[in-house]
């Protein structure tokens, strides 16, 4: 359930902006190492925390 780990990272940096850079790096690494990630579920987590744009940016830079 990798999408849940990413969801928790999104929640963590949403609740504590000081974690943003560290959690973004973790999310990027998880995305790179799991190309079959259920992206629709990750997007739902991002939507809950208004982080869709940021997550899409990570996705573009990671999966390019």
N, C-alpha and C. Protein backbone atom coordinates (compact mmCIF):
# COMPACT_ATOMS: atom_id res chain seq x y z
N UNK A 1 0.82 -1.17 0.00
CA UNK A 1 0.00 0.00 0.00
C UNK A 1 0.88 1.26 0.00
N UNK A 2 1.67 1.36 -1.01
CA UNK A 2 2.61 2.47 -1.14
C UNK A 2 1.90 3.82 -1.18
N UNK A 3 0.74 3.87 -1.80
CA UNK A 3 0.04 5.14 -1.90
C UNK A 3 -0.28 5.70 -0.52
N UNK A 4 -0.47 4.84 0.47
CA UNK A 4 -0.73 5.31 1.83
C UNK A 4 0.51 5.95 2.44
N UNK A 5 1.67 5.38 2.15
CA UNK A 5 2.92 5.97 2.65
C UNK A 5 3.11 7.37 2.07
N UNK A 6 2.83 7.50 0.80
CA UNK A 6 2.95 8.81 0.17
C UNK A 6 1.90 9.76 0.75
N UNK A 7 0.70 9.25 0.98
CA UNK A 7 -0.35 10.05 1.59
C UNK A 7 0.06 10.57 2.96
N UNK A 8 0.70 9.73 3.75
CA UNK A 8 1.17 10.17 5.06
C UNK A 8 2.25 11.23 4.95
N UNK A 9 3.10 11.10 3.94
CA UNK A 9 4.13 12.12 3.71
C UNK A 9 3.49 13.46 3.33
N UNK A 10 2.46 13.40 2.50
CA UNK A 10 1.74 14.62 2.11
C UNK A 10 1.11 15.26 3.35
N UNK A 11 0.48 14.46 4.17
CA UNK A 11 -0.15 14.97 5.39
C UNK A 11 0.90 15.58 6.32
N UNK A 12 2.03 14.91 6.43
CA UNK A 12 3.09 15.39 7.33
C UNK A 12 3.59 16.77 6.94
N UNK A 13 3.91 16.97 5.64
CA UNK A 13 4.43 18.29 5.28
C UNK A 13 3.33 19.34 5.20
N UNK A 14 2.08 18.90 5.05
CA UNK A 14 0.98 19.86 5.09
C UNK A 14 0.78 20.39 6.50
N UNK A 15 0.96 19.52 7.47
CA UNK A 15 0.78 19.91 8.88
C UNK A 15 2.02 20.55 9.48
N UNK A 16 3.18 20.31 8.88
CA UNK A 16 4.43 20.86 9.39
C UNK A 16 5.30 21.25 8.20
N UNK A 17 5.18 22.49 7.73
CA UNK A 17 5.92 22.92 6.54
C UNK A 17 7.44 22.73 6.62
N UNK A 18 7.98 22.65 7.81
CA UNK A 18 9.42 22.44 7.95
C UNK A 18 9.84 21.08 7.39
N UNK A 19 8.91 20.16 7.26
CA UNK A 19 9.20 18.82 6.74
C UNK A 19 9.14 18.74 5.22
N UNK A 20 8.68 19.81 4.59
CA UNK A 20 8.35 19.77 3.16
C UNK A 20 9.47 19.20 2.29
N UNK A 21 10.67 19.71 2.40
CA UNK A 21 11.74 19.29 1.50
C UNK A 21 12.13 17.83 1.73
N UNK A 22 12.19 17.44 2.97
CA UNK A 22 12.55 16.05 3.28
C UNK A 22 11.47 15.09 2.76
N UNK A 23 10.21 15.41 3.03
CA UNK A 23 9.12 14.54 2.59
C UNK A 23 8.98 14.52 1.07
N UNK A 24 9.22 15.65 0.42
CA UNK A 24 9.19 15.68 -1.05
C UNK A 24 10.25 14.75 -1.62
N UNK A 25 11.42 14.76 -1.04
CA UNK A 25 12.49 13.87 -1.51
C UNK A 25 12.10 12.41 -1.30
N UNK A 26 11.48 12.11 -0.17
CA UNK A 26 11.01 10.74 0.08
C UNK A 26 9.95 10.32 -0.93
N UNK A 27 9.01 11.22 -1.21
CA UNK A 27 7.95 10.92 -2.18
C UNK A 27 8.57 10.66 -3.55
N UNK A 28 9.50 11.49 -3.97
CA UNK A 28 10.16 11.32 -5.27
C UNK A 28 10.86 9.96 -5.33
N UNK A 29 11.54 9.59 -4.27
CA UNK A 29 12.23 8.29 -4.26
C UNK A 29 11.24 7.14 -4.33
N UNK A 30 10.14 7.25 -3.62
CA UNK A 30 9.11 6.19 -3.66
C UNK A 30 8.51 6.08 -5.06
N UNK A 31 8.28 7.21 -5.68
CA UNK A 31 7.71 7.20 -7.03
C UNK A 31 8.68 6.60 -8.04
N UNK A 32 9.95 6.94 -7.92
CA UNK A 32 10.95 6.42 -8.85
C UNK A 32 11.11 4.91 -8.72
N UNK A 33 11.05 4.42 -7.52
CA UNK A 33 11.28 2.99 -7.30
C UNK A 33 10.04 2.14 -7.50
N UNK A 34 8.90 2.78 -7.78
CA UNK A 34 7.64 2.04 -7.95
C UNK A 34 6.86 2.58 -9.13
N UNK A 35 7.28 2.26 -10.34
CA UNK A 35 6.61 2.80 -11.53
C UNK A 35 5.15 2.36 -11.69
N UNK A 36 4.74 1.30 -11.01
CA UNK A 36 3.36 0.83 -11.14
C UNK A 36 2.46 1.41 -10.04
N UNK A 37 2.88 2.50 -9.44
CA UNK A 37 2.15 3.17 -8.38
C UNK A 37 0.73 3.53 -8.83
N UNK A 38 -0.23 3.33 -7.95
CA UNK A 38 -1.63 3.69 -8.23
C UNK A 38 -1.77 5.20 -8.09
N UNK A 39 -1.53 5.90 -9.18
CA UNK A 39 -1.47 7.35 -9.17
C UNK A 39 -2.80 7.98 -8.77
N UNK A 40 -3.93 7.38 -9.14
CA UNK A 40 -5.23 7.97 -8.81
C UNK A 40 -5.44 8.04 -7.30
N UNK A 41 -4.98 7.05 -6.59
CA UNK A 41 -5.10 7.07 -5.13
C UNK A 41 -4.20 8.12 -4.51
N UNK A 42 -3.01 8.26 -5.04
CA UNK A 42 -2.08 9.28 -4.54
C UNK A 42 -2.69 10.67 -4.78
N UNK A 43 -3.30 10.86 -5.93
CA UNK A 43 -3.92 12.15 -6.24
C UNK A 43 -5.05 12.47 -5.26
N UNK A 44 -5.80 11.47 -4.84
CA UNK A 44 -6.87 11.70 -3.87
C UNK A 44 -6.31 12.19 -2.53
N UNK A 45 -5.21 11.59 -2.10
CA UNK A 45 -4.56 12.07 -0.87
C UNK A 45 -4.09 13.51 -1.05
N UNK A 46 -3.49 13.80 -2.18
CA UNK A 46 -3.00 15.16 -2.44
C UNK A 46 -4.16 16.15 -2.42
N UNK A 47 -5.29 15.77 -2.98
CA UNK A 47 -6.45 16.67 -3.02
C UNK A 47 -6.95 17.01 -1.62
N UNK A 48 -6.87 16.06 -0.70
CA UNK A 48 -7.32 16.32 0.67
C UNK A 48 -6.52 17.43 1.33
N UNK A 49 -5.27 17.61 0.89
CA UNK A 49 -4.39 18.59 1.52
C UNK A 49 -3.99 19.71 0.55
N UNK A 50 -4.76 19.85 -0.54
CA UNK A 50 -4.48 20.89 -1.54
C UNK A 50 -3.04 20.84 -2.02
N UNK A 51 -2.55 19.66 -2.25
CA UNK A 51 -1.15 19.49 -2.68
C UNK A 51 -1.06 18.89 -4.08
N UNK A 52 -2.14 18.98 -4.86
CA UNK A 52 -2.14 18.36 -6.19
C UNK A 52 -1.06 18.94 -7.09
N UNK A 53 -0.94 20.25 -7.08
CA UNK A 53 0.03 20.90 -7.96
C UNK A 53 1.46 20.49 -7.60
N UNK A 54 1.76 20.49 -6.33
CA UNK A 54 3.09 20.10 -5.87
C UNK A 54 3.38 18.65 -6.22
N UNK A 55 2.40 17.79 -6.01
CA UNK A 55 2.60 16.38 -6.31
C UNK A 55 2.80 16.15 -7.81
N UNK A 56 2.06 16.87 -8.60
CA UNK A 56 2.23 16.76 -10.06
C UNK A 56 3.62 17.24 -10.47
N UNK A 57 4.10 18.26 -9.82
CA UNK A 57 5.46 18.75 -10.11
C UNK A 57 6.50 17.69 -9.76
N UNK A 58 6.33 17.04 -8.63
CA UNK A 58 7.24 15.96 -8.24
C UNK A 58 7.16 14.84 -9.25
N UNK A 59 5.96 14.51 -9.66
CA UNK A 59 5.76 13.43 -10.63
C UNK A 59 6.46 13.74 -11.96
N UNK A 60 6.28 14.97 -12.45
CA UNK A 60 6.92 15.35 -13.71
C UNK A 60 8.44 15.28 -13.62
N UNK A 61 8.98 15.76 -12.53
CA UNK A 61 10.44 15.77 -12.40
C UNK A 61 11.01 14.38 -12.13
N UNK A 62 10.21 13.52 -11.53
CA UNK A 62 10.68 12.18 -11.17
C UNK A 62 10.51 11.18 -12.29
N UNK A 63 9.40 11.26 -12.97
CA UNK A 63 9.05 10.25 -13.96
C UNK A 63 9.36 10.68 -15.39
N UNK A 64 10.11 11.73 -15.52
CA UNK A 64 10.43 12.23 -16.87
C UNK A 64 11.43 11.36 -17.58
